Amino acid sequence: MILVIGGAGYIGSHMAKRLRELNAPHLVLDNLEKGHRAAVRDSPFVQADLRTADLAGILREHKIDLVMHFAAYMMVGESVTRPDAYWHNNLTAVLRLLDAMRESKVDKIVFSSTAAVFGEPHYVPIDEEHLKNPTSPYGDTKLAVEMALSAYDRAYGIRSVCLRYFNAAGADPDGILGEDHDPESHLIPAIILSAMGKAPKLKVFGADYDTPDGTCVRDYVHVMDLAEAHLLALNHLREAGSSRKFNLGNGEGYSVRQVIDTVGEVLGMSVPYDEAPRREGDPARLIASSKRITDELGWQPQFPQLRTIVEHAWQWRRAHPDGYHD
């Protein structure tokens, strides 16, 4: 039985959908602070918080043998102004989980990490061996968990796969699930909401970076491709594979202005925006090398094109203009 922690959130709900499609026994655990009960659909569900729940009891009761963790706070800017919340939720809660796993003899975990562990890159595309130098508390907390996982593996035999997402984007191609944060911090849905009049005029944070058009460059990876990477990681651990760390991206970067233009093309309208100062903690370029997971686990993105990613995001939001609150 797989425990999907944070399975009412954006990426976790798409993961749970794939598990339903495969008839894989699983349980979604979420405190619904950021997630949506409607996104869980008909997956088995328990509402609980990693920071307070009897995690060992849940693991034993449901005969969990593998954990997937999607339950982190994820806003870089907010992590700078509220580091206490990020350290408690993103690290302390995970340590509680690992101790409960140890107590319950659950020895496999797939962990959602992030490109933010690298900080400002010294070269692109970024491979797994690149220097780790986070520029935000968010990145710090994720790197700290990666370090804890390595230590728990050496000491207690808890094996892990850390998947370092670059920019998760898009939505379920079937139109059942989508991205719905409040406030919306991810660029593609934020542009769409602004264009729909559902959010204030778009702000571009920083137009003076050392990039071709002055705006940040990011590598966007489709949420369903992330889910497939999790399935490969799951199978790797269940087949007695060793702990691994993998980058997940498409190996191509798009600037903020390029993304705005692509959304405008898909929606058939121009998207106005204002330039604003840089946000603290935002690197200029983040582009992934995913060669390791391609070579070792055979991961191949099915939706690598930015336009396809935007089309899927728009398809869901157009059908759900108020998100999961429709």
C-alpha atoms as a PDB file:
ATOM      1  CA  MET A   1       0.000   0.000   0.000  1.00  0.00           C
ATOM      2  CA  ILE A   2       1.328   3.426  -1.010  1.00  0.00           C
ATOM      3  CA  LEU A   3       0.816   6.478   1.210  1.00  0.00           C
ATOM      4  CA  VAL A   4       0.472   9.654  -0.884  1.00  0.00           C
ATOM      5  CA  ILE A   5       1.128  12.523   1.514  1.00  0.00           C
ATOM      6  CA  GLY A   6      -0.139  15.804   0.087  1.00  0.00           C
ATOM      7  CA  GLY A   7      -2.333  13.919  -2.372  1.00  0.00           C
ATOM      8  CA  ALA A   8      -4.990  16.658  -2.377  1.00  0.00           C
ATOM      9  CA  GLY A   9      -2.469  19.130  -3.760  1.00  0.00           C
ATOM     10  CA  TYR A  10      -1.419  19.843  -7.316  1.00  0.00           C
ATOM     11  CA  ILE A  11       1.216  17.214  -8.054  1.00  0.00           C
ATOM     12  CA  GLY A  12       0.039  14.725  -5.436  1.00  0.00           C
ATOM     13  CA  SER A  13      -3.495  14.586  -6.866  1.00  0.00           C
ATOM     14  CA  HIS A  14      -2.150  13.845 -10.343  1.00  0.00           C
ATOM     15  CA  MET A  15      -0.019  11.078  -8.816  1.00  0.00           C
ATOM     16  CA  ALA A  16      -3.063   9.597  -7.081  1.00  0.00           C
ATOM     17  CA  LYS A  17      -4.945   9.642 -10.394  1.00  0.00           C
ATOM     18  CA  ARG A  18      -2.228   7.542 -12.019  1.00  0.00           C
ATOM     19  CA  LEU A  19      -2.345   5.101  -9.114  1.00  0.00           C
ATOM     20  CA  ARG A  20      -6.139   4.801  -9.543  1.00  0.00           C
ATOM     21  CA  GLU A  21      -5.680   4.133 -13.246  1.00  0.00           C
ATOM     22  CA  LEU A  22      -3.219   1.346 -12.416  1.00  0.00           C
ATOM     23  CA  ASN A  23      -5.435  -0.057  -9.639  1.00  0.00           C
ATOM     24  CA  ALA A  24      -2.476   0.357  -7.309  1.00  0.00           C
ATOM     25  CA  PRO A  25      -3.513   0.218  -3.637  1.00  0.00           C
ATOM     26  CA  HIS A  26      -2.933   3.620  -2.089  1.00  0.00           C
ATOM     27  CA  LEU A  27      -4.103   6.041   0.585  1.00  0.00           C
ATOM     28  CA  VAL A  28      -4.106   9.837   0.294  1.00  0.00           C
ATOM     29  CA  LEU A  29      -3.175  11.775   3.429  1.00  0.00           C
ATOM     30  CA  ASP A  30      -3.608  15.548   3.426  1.00  0.00           C
ATOM     31  CA  ASN A  31      -4.455  18.220   5.991  1.00  0.00           C
ATOM     32  CA  LEU A  32      -6.339  20.237   3.304  1.00  0.00           C
ATOM     33  CA  GLU A  33      -4.485  23.408   4.327  1.00  0.00           C
ATOM     34  CA  LYS A  34      -3.414  23.945   0.722  1.00  0.00           C
ATOM     35  CA  GLY A  35      -5.038  21.017  -1.069  1.00  0.00           C
ATOM     36  CA  HIS A  36      -8.595  20.397  -2.235  1.00  0.00           C
ATOM     37  CA  ARG A  37     -10.805  17.519  -1.162  1.00  0.00           C
ATOM     38  CA  ALA A  38     -12.372  17.510  -4.647  1.00  0.00           C
ATOM     39  CA  ALA A  39      -8.957  16.779  -6.179  1.00  0.00           C
ATOM     40  CA  VAL A  40      -8.732  13.500  -4.260  1.00  0.00           C
ATOM     41  CA  ARG A  41     -11.700  12.177  -6.238  1.00  0.00           C
ATOM     42  CA  ASP A  42     -12.406   8.596  -5.160  1.00  0.00           C
ATOM     43  CA  SER A  43      -9.002   7.680  -3.761  1.00  0.00           C
ATOM     44  CA  PRO A  44      -9.125   6.451  -0.151  1.00  0.00           C
ATOM     45  CA  PHE A  45      -8.503   9.493   2.030  1.00  0.00           C
ATOM     46  CA  VAL A  46      -7.551  10.425   5.573  1.00  0.00           C
ATOM     47  CA  GLN A  47      -7.350  14.031   6.742  1.00  0.00           C
ATOM     48  CA  ALA A  48      -4.304  14.418   8.980  1.00  0.00           C
ATOM     49  CA  ASP A  49      -1.299  16.699   9.536  1.00  0.00           C
ATOM     50  CA  LEU A  50       2.260  15.361   9.564  1.00  0.00           C
ATOM     51  CA  ARG A  51       3.107  17.745  12.381  1.00  0.00           C
ATOM     52  CA  THR A  52       0.530  16.297  14.811  1.00  0.00           C
ATOM     53  CA  ALA A  53      -0.870  12.969  13.573  1.00  0.00           C
ATOM     54  CA  ASP A  54      -0.107   9.499  14.917  1.00  0.00           C
ATOM     55  CA  LEU A  55       1.899   8.669  11.824  1.00  0.00           C
ATOM     56  CA  ALA A  56       3.186   5.311  13.027  1.00  0.00           C
ATOM     57  CA  GLY A  57      -0.384   4.272  13.756  1.00  0.00           C
ATOM     58  CA  ILE A  58      -1.527   5.274  10.264  1.00  0.00           C
ATOM     59  CA  LEU A  59       1.364   3.420   8.634  1.00  0.00           C
ATOM     60  CA  ARG A  60       0.620   0.248  10.583  1.00  0.00           C
ATOM     61  CA  GLU A  61      -3.169   0.401  10.271  1.00  0.00           C
ATOM     62  CA  HIS A  62      -3.067   0.711   6.493  1.00  0.00           C
ATOM     63  CA  LYS A  63      -0.119  -1.653   5.995  1.00  0.00           C
ATOM     64  CA  ILE A  64       1.902   0.996   4.169  1.00  0.00           C
ATOM     65  CA  ASP A  65       5.101  -0.230   2.530  1.00  0.00           C
ATOM     66  CA  LEU A  66       6.090   2.896   0.563  1.00  0.00           C
ATOM     67  CA  VAL A  67       5.569   6.622   1.119  1.00  0.00           C
ATOM     68  CA  MET A  68       5.372   9.452  -1.423  1.00  0.00           C
ATOM     69  CA  HIS A  69       5.800  12.931   0.029  1.00  0.00           C
ATOM     70  CA  PHE A  70       4.252  15.984  -1.713  1.00  0.00           C
ATOM     71  CA  ALA A  71       3.316  18.035   1.353  1.00  0.00           C
ATOM     72  CA  ALA A  72       5.821  20.910   1.398  1.00  0.00           C
ATOM     73  CA  TYR A  73       5.220  24.636   1.378  1.00  0.00           C
ATOM     74  CA  MET A  74       6.687  25.813  -1.929  1.00  0.00           C
ATOM     75  CA  MET A  75       6.694  29.617  -2.352  1.00  0.00           C
ATOM     76  CA  VAL A  76      10.238  30.972  -2.547  1.00  0.00           C
ATOM     77  CA  GLY A  77       9.326  34.538  -1.638  1.00  0.00           C
ATOM     78  CA  GLU A  78       7.142  33.497   1.282  1.00  0.00           C
ATOM     79  CA  SER A  79       9.923  31.289   2.604  1.00  0.00           C
ATOM     80  CA  VAL A  80      12.110  34.395   2.921  1.00  0.00           C
ATOM     81  CA  THR A  81       9.499  36.262   4.982  1.00  0.00           C
ATOM     82  CA  ARG A  82       8.166  33.226   6.921  1.00  0.00           C
ATOM     83  CA  PRO A  83      11.154  30.902   7.377  1.00  0.00           C
ATOM     84  CA  ASP A  84       9.753  29.452  10.615  1.00  0.00           C
ATOM     85  CA  ALA A  85       6.721  28.019   8.830  1.00  0.00           C
ATOM     86  CA  TYR A  86       8.912  26.508   6.116  1.00  0.00           C
ATOM     87  CA  TRP A  87      11.395  24.894   8.471  1.00  0.00           C
ATOM     88  CA  HIS A  88       8.626  23.395  10.632  1.00  0.00           C
ATOM     89  CA  ASN A  89       6.503  22.075   7.745  1.00  0.00           C
ATOM     90  CA  ASN A  90       9.197  21.169   5.240  1.00  0.00           C
ATOM     91  CA  LEU A  91      11.784  19.689   7.598  1.00  0.00           C
ATOM     92  CA  THR A  92      10.491  19.011  11.123  1.00  0.00           C
ATOM     93  CA  ALA A  93       7.344  17.315   9.822  1.00  0.00           C
ATOM     94  CA  VAL A  94       9.396  15.117   7.497  1.00  0.00           C
ATOM     95  CA  LEU A  95      11.664  14.086  10.367  1.00  0.00           C
ATOM     96  CA  ARG A  96       8.525  13.039  12.303  1.00  0.00           C
ATOM     97  CA  LEU A  97       7.516  11.017   9.261  1.00  0.00           C
ATOM     98  CA  LEU A  98      10.910   9.323   8.960  1.00  0.00           C
ATOM     99  CA  ASP A  99      10.893   8.415  12.641  1.00  0.00           C
ATOM    100  CA  ALA A 100       7.397   6.948  12.253  1.00  0.00           C
ATOM    101  CA  MET A 101       8.564   4.987   9.205  1.00  0.00           C
ATOM    102  CA  ARG A 102      11.497   3.646  11.191  1.00  0.00           C
ATOM    103  CA  GLU A 103       9.213   2.649  14.072  1.00  0.00           C
ATOM    104  CA  SER A 104       6.755   0.962  11.679  1.00  0.00           C
ATOM    105  CA  LYS A 105       9.452  -0.702   9.562  1.00  0.00           C
ATOM    106  CA  VAL A 106       8.517   1.188   6.381  1.00  0.00           C
ATOM    107  CA  ASP A 107      11.776   1.531   4.476  1.00  0.00           C
ATOM    108  CA  LYS A 108      10.948   3.216   1.145  1.00  0.00           C
ATOM    109  CA  ILE A 109      10.122   6.848   0.340  1.00  0.00           C
ATOM    110  CA  VAL A 110       9.874   8.902  -2.858  1.00  0.00           C
ATOM    111  CA  PHE A 111      10.497  12.527  -1.954  1.00  0.00           C
ATOM    112  CA  SER A 112       9.537  15.630  -3.936  1.00  0.00           C
ATOM    113  CA  SER A 113      12.618  17.804  -3.969  1.00  0.00           C
ATOM    114  CA  THR A 114      13.336  20.850  -6.108  1.00  0.00           C
ATOM    115  CA  ALA A 115      15.776  22.628  -8.386  1.00  0.00           C
ATOM    116  CA  ALA A 116      15.953  25.268  -5.649  1.00  0.00           C
ATOM    117  CA  VAL A 117      18.589  23.115  -3.911  1.00  0.00           C
ATOM    118  CA  PHE A 118      21.101  24.336  -6.504  1.00  0.00           C
ATOM    119  CA  GLY A 119      20.686  28.089  -6.095  1.00  0.00           C
ATOM    120  CA  GLU A 120      22.269  30.283  -8.769  1.00  0.00           C
ATOM    121  CA  PRO A 121      23.727  27.830 -11.294  1.00  0.00           C
ATOM    122  CA  HIS A 122      27.361  27.867 -12.322  1.00  0.00           C
ATOM    123  CA  TYR A 123      26.445  26.117 -15.577  1.00  0.00           C
ATOM    124  CA  VAL A 124      23.383  24.903 -17.459  1.00  0.00           C
ATOM    125  CA  PRO A 125      21.924  22.429 -17.993  1.00  0.00           C
ATOM    126  CA  ILE A 126      22.239  21.519 -14.318  1.00  0.00           C
ATOM    127  CA  ASP A 127      23.181  17.929 -13.548  1.00  0.00           C
ATOM    128  CA  GLU A 128      22.829  16.154 -10.221  1.00  0.00           C
ATOM    129  CA  GLU A 129      26.449  16.803  -9.216  1.00  0.00           C
ATOM    130  CA  HIS A 130      26.145  20.587  -9.486  1.00  0.00           C
ATOM    131  CA  LEU A 131      27.071  22.507  -6.333  1.00  0.00           C
ATOM    132  CA  LYS A 132      24.163  22.792  -3.868  1.00  0.00           C
ATOM    133  CA  ASN A 133      23.870  26.397  -2.672  1.00  0.00           C
ATOM    134  CA  PRO A 134      20.195  27.356  -2.126  1.00  0.00           C
ATOM    135  CA  THR A 135      19.274  31.042  -2.215  1.00  0.00           C
ATOM    136  CA  SER A 136      16.063  30.742  -0.177  1.00  0.00           C
ATOM    137  CA  PRO A 137      14.826  29.019   2.969  1.00  0.00           C
ATOM    138  CA  TYR A 138      12.593  26.923   0.717  1.00  0.00           C
ATOM    139  CA  GLY A 139      15.645  25.501  -1.036  1.00  0.00           C
ATOM    140  CA  ASP A 140      17.442  25.154   2.290  1.00  0.00           C
ATOM    141  CA  THR A 141      14.638  23.012   3.735  1.00  0.00           C
ATOM    142  CA  LYS A 142      14.531  20.707   0.734  1.00  0.00           C
ATOM    143  CA  LEU A 143      18.306  20.226   0.761  1.00  0.00           C
ATOM    144  CA  ALA A 144      18.156  19.533   4.504  1.00  0.00           C
ATOM    145  CA  VAL A 145      15.618  16.753   3.904  1.00  0.00           C
ATOM    146  CA  GLU A 146      17.819  15.274   1.180  1.00  0.00           C
ATOM    147  CA  MET A 147      20.702  15.210   3.669  1.00  0.00           C
ATOM    148  CA  ALA A 148      18.479  13.651   6.351  1.00  0.00           C
ATOM    149  CA  LEU A 149      17.326  10.968   3.919  1.00  0.00           C
ATOM    150  CA  SER A 150      20.929  10.049   3.155  1.00  0.00           C
ATOM    151  CA  ALA A 151      21.679   9.778   6.864  1.00  0.00           C
ATOM    152  CA  TYR A 152      18.566   7.684   7.591  1.00  0.00           C
ATOM    153  CA  ASP A 153      19.525   5.351   4.761  1.00  0.00           C
ATOM    154  CA  ARG A 154      23.048   4.846   6.115  1.00  0.00           C
ATOM    155  CA  ALA A 155      21.899   4.388   9.716  1.00  0.00           C
ATOM    156  CA  TYR A 156      18.475   2.730   9.411  1.00  0.00           C
ATOM    157  CA  GLY A 157      18.177   1.380   5.869  1.00  0.00           C
ATOM    158  CA  ILE A 158      15.355   3.708   4.778  1.00  0.00           C
ATOM    159  CA  ARG A 159      15.899   3.945   1.023  1.00  0.00           C
ATOM    160  CA  SER A 160      14.775   7.009  -0.901  1.00  0.00           C
ATOM    161  CA  VAL A 161      14.474   8.509  -4.343  1.00  0.00           C
ATOM    162  CA  CYS A 162      14.633  12.318  -4.377  1.00  0.00           C
ATOM    163  CA  LEU A 163      13.096  13.871  -7.493  1.00  0.00           C
ATOM    164  CA  ARG A 164      14.278  17.426  -8.044  1.00  0.00           C
ATOM    165  CA  TYR A 165      11.551  19.108 -10.059  1.00  0.00           C
ATOM    166  CA  PHE A 166      12.350  22.132 -12.095  1.00  0.00           C
ATOM    167  CA  ASN A 167       9.078  23.988 -12.867  1.00  0.00           C
ATOM    168  CA  ALA A 168       6.047  21.720 -12.560  1.00  0.00           C
ATOM    169  CA  ALA A 169       3.351  22.887 -14.963  1.00  0.00           C
ATOM    170  CA  GLY A 170       0.340  21.852 -17.017  1.00  0.00           C
ATOM    171  CA  ALA A 171      -2.680  19.793 -16.021  1.00  0.00           C
ATOM    172  CA  ASP A 172      -4.262  16.389 -16.462  1.00  0.00           C
ATOM    173  CA  PRO A 173      -4.843  15.939 -20.238  1.00  0.00           C
ATOM    174  CA  ASP A 174      -8.214  14.331 -19.428  1.00  0.00           C
ATOM    175  CA  GLY A 175      -9.349  17.621 -17.914  1.00  0.00           C
ATOM    176  CA  ILE A 176     -10.226  16.053 -14.560  1.00  0.00           C
ATOM    177  CA  LEU A 177      -7.481  17.681 -12.460  1.00  0.00           C
ATOM    178  CA  GLY A 178      -5.663  20.984 -12.607  1.00  0.00           C
ATOM    179  CA  GLU A 179      -3.626  23.544 -10.722  1.00  0.00           C
ATOM    180  CA  ASP A 180      -5.444  25.643  -8.128  1.00  0.00           C
ATOM    181  CA  HIS A 181      -3.390  27.522  -5.533  1.00  0.00           C
ATOM    182  CA  ASP A 182      -4.502  30.457  -3.399  1.00  0.00           C
ATOM    183  CA  PRO A 183      -2.688  32.677  -4.010  1.00  0.00           C
ATOM    184  CA  GLU A 184      -1.471  31.337  -7.345  1.00  0.00           C
ATOM    185  CA  SER A 185       2.326  31.505  -7.367  1.00  0.00           C
ATOM    186  CA  HIS A 186       3.111  29.461 -10.475  1.00  0.00           C
ATOM    187  CA  LEU A 187       3.642  31.448 -13.638  1.00  0.00           C
ATOM    188  CA  ILE A 188       1.469  29.674 -16.226  1.00  0.00           C
ATOM    189  CA  PRO A 189      -1.774  29.541 -14.179  1.00  0.00           C
ATOM    190  CA  ALA A 190      -1.077  33.060 -12.883  1.00  0.00           C
ATOM    191  CA  ILE A 191      -0.909  34.358 -16.454  1.00  0.00           C
ATOM    192  CA  ILE A 192      -4.099  32.509 -17.370  1.00  0.00           C
ATOM    193  CA  LEU A 193      -5.983  33.841 -14.338  1.00  0.00           C
ATOM    194  CA  SER A 194      -4.827  37.383 -15.063  1.00  0.00           C
ATOM    195  CA  ALA A 195      -5.901  37.093 -18.693  1.00  0.00           C
ATOM    196  CA  MET A 196      -9.329  35.815 -17.552  1.00  0.00           C
ATOM    197  CA  GLY A 197      -9.774  38.738 -15.182  1.00  0.00           C
ATOM    198  CA  LYS A 198      -9.732  36.336 -12.246  1.00  0.00           C
ATOM    199  CA  ALA A 199      -6.551  37.841 -10.805  1.00  0.00           C
ATOM    200  CA  PRO A 200      -4.908  41.289 -10.766  1.00  0.00           C
ATOM    201  CA  LYS A 201      -2.742  42.454 -13.635  1.00  0.00           C
ATOM    202  CA  LEU A 202       0.295  40.248 -14.016  1.00  0.00           C
ATOM    203  CA  LYS A 203       3.611  41.320 -12.513  1.00  0.00           C
ATOM    204  CA  VAL A 204       6.943  40.266 -13.965  1.00  0.00           C
ATOM    205  CA  PHE A 205       9.436  40.175 -11.120  1.00  0.00           C
ATOM    206  CA  GLY A 206      12.733  41.320 -12.547  1.00  0.00           C
ATOM    207  CA  ALA A 207      13.464  42.428 -16.101  1.00  0.00           C
ATOM    208  CA  ASP A 208      17.179  43.066 -15.647  1.00  0.00           C
ATOM    209  CA  TYR A 209      18.577  39.550 -15.348  1.00  0.00           C
ATOM    210  CA  ASP A 210      21.514  38.411 -17.480  1.00  0.00           C
ATOM    211  CA  THR A 211      19.235  36.546 -19.884  1.00  0.00           C
ATOM    212  CA  PRO A 212      18.327  37.205 -23.534  1.00  0.00           C
ATOM    213  CA  ASP A 213      15.268  39.335 -22.701  1.00  0.00           C
ATOM    214  CA  GLY A 214      16.102  40.257 -19.106  1.00  0.00           C
ATOM    215  CA  THR A 215      13.520  37.969 -17.469  1.00  0.00           C
ATOM    216  CA  CYS A 216      14.096  34.699 -15.598  1.00  0.00           C
ATOM    217  CA  VAL A 217      14.519  31.517 -17.628  1.00  0.00           C
ATOM    218  CA  ARG A 218      12.960  28.292 -16.382  1.00  0.00           C
ATOM    219  CA  ASP A 219      12.595  24.667 -17.469  1.00  0.00           C
ATOM    220  CA  TYR A 220       8.917  23.606 -17.448  1.00  0.00           C
ATOM    221  CA  VAL A 221       8.001  19.950 -16.954  1.00  0.00           C
ATOM    222  CA  HIS A 222       4.478  18.565 -17.320  1.00  0.00           C
ATOM    223  CA  VAL A 223       2.820  17.378 -14.123  1.00  0.00           C
ATOM    224  CA  MET A 224       1.878  14.016 -15.670  1.00  0.00           C
ATOM    225  CA  ASP A 225       5.497  13.469 -16.690  1.00  0.00           C
ATOM    226  CA  LEU A 226       6.399  14.061 -13.045  1.00  0.00           C
ATOM    227  CA  ALA A 227       3.837  11.445 -12.035  1.00  0.00           C
ATOM    228  CA  GLU A 228       5.408   8.941 -14.422  1.00  0.00           C
ATOM    229  CA  ALA A 229       8.831   9.637 -12.902  1.00  0.00           C
ATOM    230  CA  HIS A 230       7.345   8.838  -9.485  1.00  0.00           C
ATOM    231  CA  LEU A 231       6.062   5.503 -10.794  1.00  0.00           C
ATOM    232  CA  LEU A 232       9.527   4.644 -12.060  1.00  0.00           C
ATOM    233  CA  ALA A 233      11.013   5.645  -8.702  1.00  0.00           C
ATOM    234  CA  LEU A 234       8.425   3.535  -6.886  1.00  0.00           C
ATOM    235  CA  ASN A 235       9.275   0.490  -8.977  1.00  0.00           C
ATOM    236  CA  HIS A 236      13.008   1.111  -8.516  1.00  0.00           C
ATOM    237  CA  LEU A 237      12.647   1.013  -4.724  1.00  0.00           C
ATOM    238  CA  ARG A 238      10.300  -1.975  -4.725  1.00  0.00           C
ATOM    239  CA  GLU A 239      12.832  -3.870  -6.853  1.00  0.00           C
ATOM    240  CA  ALA A 240      15.459  -3.285  -4.119  1.00  0.00           C
ATOM    241  CA  GLY A 241      17.091  -0.352  -5.889  1.00  0.00           C
ATOM    242  CA  SER A 242      19.456   1.865  -3.926  1.00  0.00           C
ATOM    243  CA  SER A 243      18.766   5.448  -2.884  1.00  0.00           C
ATOM    244  CA  ARG A 244      19.051   7.894  -5.786  1.00  0.00           C
ATOM    245  CA  LYS A 245      18.645  11.587  -6.587  1.00  0.00           C
ATOM    246  CA  PHE A 246      17.348  12.665 -10.000  1.00  0.00           C
ATOM    247  CA  ASN A 247      16.719  15.973 -11.753  1.00  0.00           C
ATOM    248  CA  LEU A 248      13.435  16.289 -13.656  1.00  0.00           C
ATOM    249  CA  GLY A 249      13.104  18.769 -16.498  1.00  0.00           C
ATOM    250  CA  ASN A 250      12.919  18.966 -20.271  1.00  0.00           C
ATOM    251  CA  GLY A 251      16.376  20.452 -20.790  1.00  0.00           C
ATOM    252  CA  GLU A 252      15.050  23.613 -22.428  1.00  0.00           C
ATOM    253  CA  GLY A 253      14.547  27.012 -20.836  1.00  0.00           C
ATOM    254  CA  TYR A 254      11.884  29.611 -21.545  1.00  0.00           C
ATOM    255  CA  SER A 255      11.927  33.181 -20.304  1.00  0.00           C
ATOM    256  CA  VAL A 256       8.994  34.712 -18.457  1.00  0.00           C
ATOM    257  CA  ARG A 257       8.214  36.831 -21.522  1.00  0.00           C
ATOM    258  CA  GLN A 258       8.266  33.753 -23.770  1.00  0.00           C
ATOM    259  CA  VAL A 259       5.792  32.024 -21.475  1.00  0.00           C
ATOM    260  CA  ILE A 260       3.520  35.086 -21.463  1.00  0.00           C
ATOM    261  CA  ASP A 261       3.606  35.138 -25.267  1.00  0.00           C
ATOM    262  CA  THR A 262       2.820  31.411 -25.489  1.00  0.00           C
ATOM    263  CA  VAL A 263      -0.146  31.745 -23.123  1.00  0.00           C
ATOM    264  CA  GLY A 264      -1.365  34.677 -25.206  1.00  0.00           C
ATOM    265  CA  GLU A 265      -1.167  32.600 -28.386  1.00  0.00           C
ATOM    266  CA  VAL A 266      -3.094  29.690 -26.826  1.00  0.00           C
ATOM    267  CA  LEU A 267      -5.779  31.981 -25.359  1.00  0.00           C
ATOM    268  CA  GLY A 268      -5.931  34.160 -28.476  1.00  0.00           C
ATOM    269  CA  MET A 269      -5.311  37.411 -26.622  1.00  0.00           C
ATOM    270  CA  SER A 270      -2.451  39.602 -25.511  1.00  0.00           C
ATOM    271  CA  VAL A 271      -1.654  39.464 -21.802  1.00  0.00           C
ATOM    272  CA  PRO A 272      -0.750  42.834 -20.271  1.00  0.00           C
ATOM    273  CA  TYR A 273       1.776  42.931 -17.450  1.00  0.00           C
ATOM    274  CA  ASP A 274       3.780  45.319 -15.309  1.00  0.00           C
ATOM    275  CA  GLU A 275       7.449  45.014 -14.492  1.00  0.00           C
ATOM    276  CA  ALA A 276       8.301  44.788 -10.799  1.00  0.00           C
ATOM    277  CA  PRO A 277      11.549  44.473  -8.808  1.00  0.00           C
ATOM    278  CA  ARG A 278      13.248  41.108  -8.513  1.00  0.00           C
ATOM    279  CA  ARG A 279      12.110  38.743  -5.797  1.00  0.00           C
ATOM    280  CA  GLU A 280      14.748  37.700  -3.319  1.00  0.00           C
ATOM    281  CA  GLY A 281      15.957  34.169  -3.931  1.00  0.00           C
ATOM    282  CA  ASP A 282      15.116  33.913  -7.653  1.00  0.00           C
ATOM    283  CA  PRO A 283      18.050  32.624  -9.787  1.00  0.00           C
ATOM    284  CA  ALA A 284      18.321  33.947 -13.344  1.00  0.00           C
ATOM    285  CA  ARG A 285      18.397  30.547 -15.081  1.00  0.00           C
ATOM    286  CA  LEU A 286      17.313  27.057 -14.071  1.00  0.00           C
ATOM    287  CA  ILE A 287      17.540  24.412 -16.801  1.00  0.00           C
ATOM    288  CA  ALA A 288      17.785  20.698 -16.055  1.00  0.00           C
ATOM    289  CA  SER A 289      19.821  17.835 -17.312  1.00  0.00           C
ATOM    290  CA  SER A 290      17.643  14.751 -16.850  1.00  0.00           C
ATOM    291  CA  LYS A 291      20.168  12.386 -18.396  1.00  0.00           C
ATOM    292  CA  ARG A 292      20.611  10.373 -15.192  1.00  0.00           C
ATOM    293  CA  ILE A 293      16.958   9.370 -14.779  1.00  0.00           C
ATOM    294  CA  THR A 294      16.669   8.761 -18.525  1.00  0.00           C
ATOM    295  CA  ASP A 295      19.687   6.458 -18.482  1.00  0.00           C
ATOM    296  CA  GLU A 296      18.932   4.681 -15.211  1.00  0.00           C
ATOM    297  CA  LEU A 297      15.135   4.447 -15.092  1.00  0.00           C
ATOM    298  CA  GLY A 298      14.138   5.075 -18.709  1.00  0.00           C
ATOM    299  CA  TRP A 299      12.106   8.231 -18.040  1.00  0.00           C
ATOM    300  CA  GLN A 300      10.909   9.935 -21.234  1.00  0.00           C
ATOM    301  CA  PRO A 301       8.642  13.011 -20.986  1.00  0.00           C
ATOM    302  CA  GLN A 302       5.463  12.608 -23.028  1.00  0.00           C
ATOM    303  CA  PHE A 303       4.550  16.307 -23.012  1.00  0.00           C
ATOM    304  CA  PRO A 304       7.803  18.249 -23.406  1.00  0.00           C
ATOM    305  CA  GLN A 305       6.480  21.172 -25.481  1.00  0.00           C
ATOM    306  CA  LEU A 306       5.655  24.411 -23.681  1.00  0.00           C
ATOM    307  CA  ARG A 307       2.617  25.000 -25.888  1.00  0.00           C
ATOM    308  CA  THR A 308       1.163  21.586 -24.963  1.00  0.00           C
ATOM    309  CA  ILE A 309       1.744  22.290 -21.275  1.00  0.00           C
ATOM    310  CA  VAL A 310      -0.084  25.627 -21.612  1.00  0.00           C
ATOM    311  CA  GLU A 311      -2.933  24.074 -23.617  1.00  0.00           C
ATOM    312  CA  HIS A 312      -3.574  21.479 -20.910  1.00  0.00           C
ATOM    313  CA  ALA A 313      -3.474  24.124 -18.177  1.00  0.00           C
ATOM    314  CA  TRP A 314      -5.913  26.292 -20.138  1.00  0.00           C
ATOM    315  CA  GLN A 315      -8.235  23.368 -20.903  1.00  0.00           C
ATOM    316  CA  TRP A 316      -8.723  22.699 -17.194  1.00  0.00           C
ATOM    317  CA  ARG A 317      -9.026  26.325 -16.096  1.00  0.00           C
ATOM    318  CA  ARG A 318     -11.466  27.177 -18.893  1.00  0.00           C
ATOM    319  CA  ALA A 319     -13.726  24.342 -17.668  1.00  0.00           C
ATOM    320  CA  HIS A 320     -13.163  25.316 -14.003  1.00  0.00           C
ATOM    321  CA  PRO A 321     -12.956  29.139 -13.956  1.00  0.00           C
ATOM    322  CA  ASP A 322     -13.204  29.169 -10.164  1.00  0.00           C
ATOM    323  CA  GLY A 323     -10.931  26.181  -9.683  1.00  0.00           C
ATOM    324  CA  TYR A 324     -12.117  23.384  -7.446  1.00  0.00           C
ATOM    325  CA  HIS A 325     -14.685  25.742  -5.933  1.00  0.00           C
ATOM    326  CA  ASP A 326     -16.912  25.656  -9.038  1.00  0.00           C
END
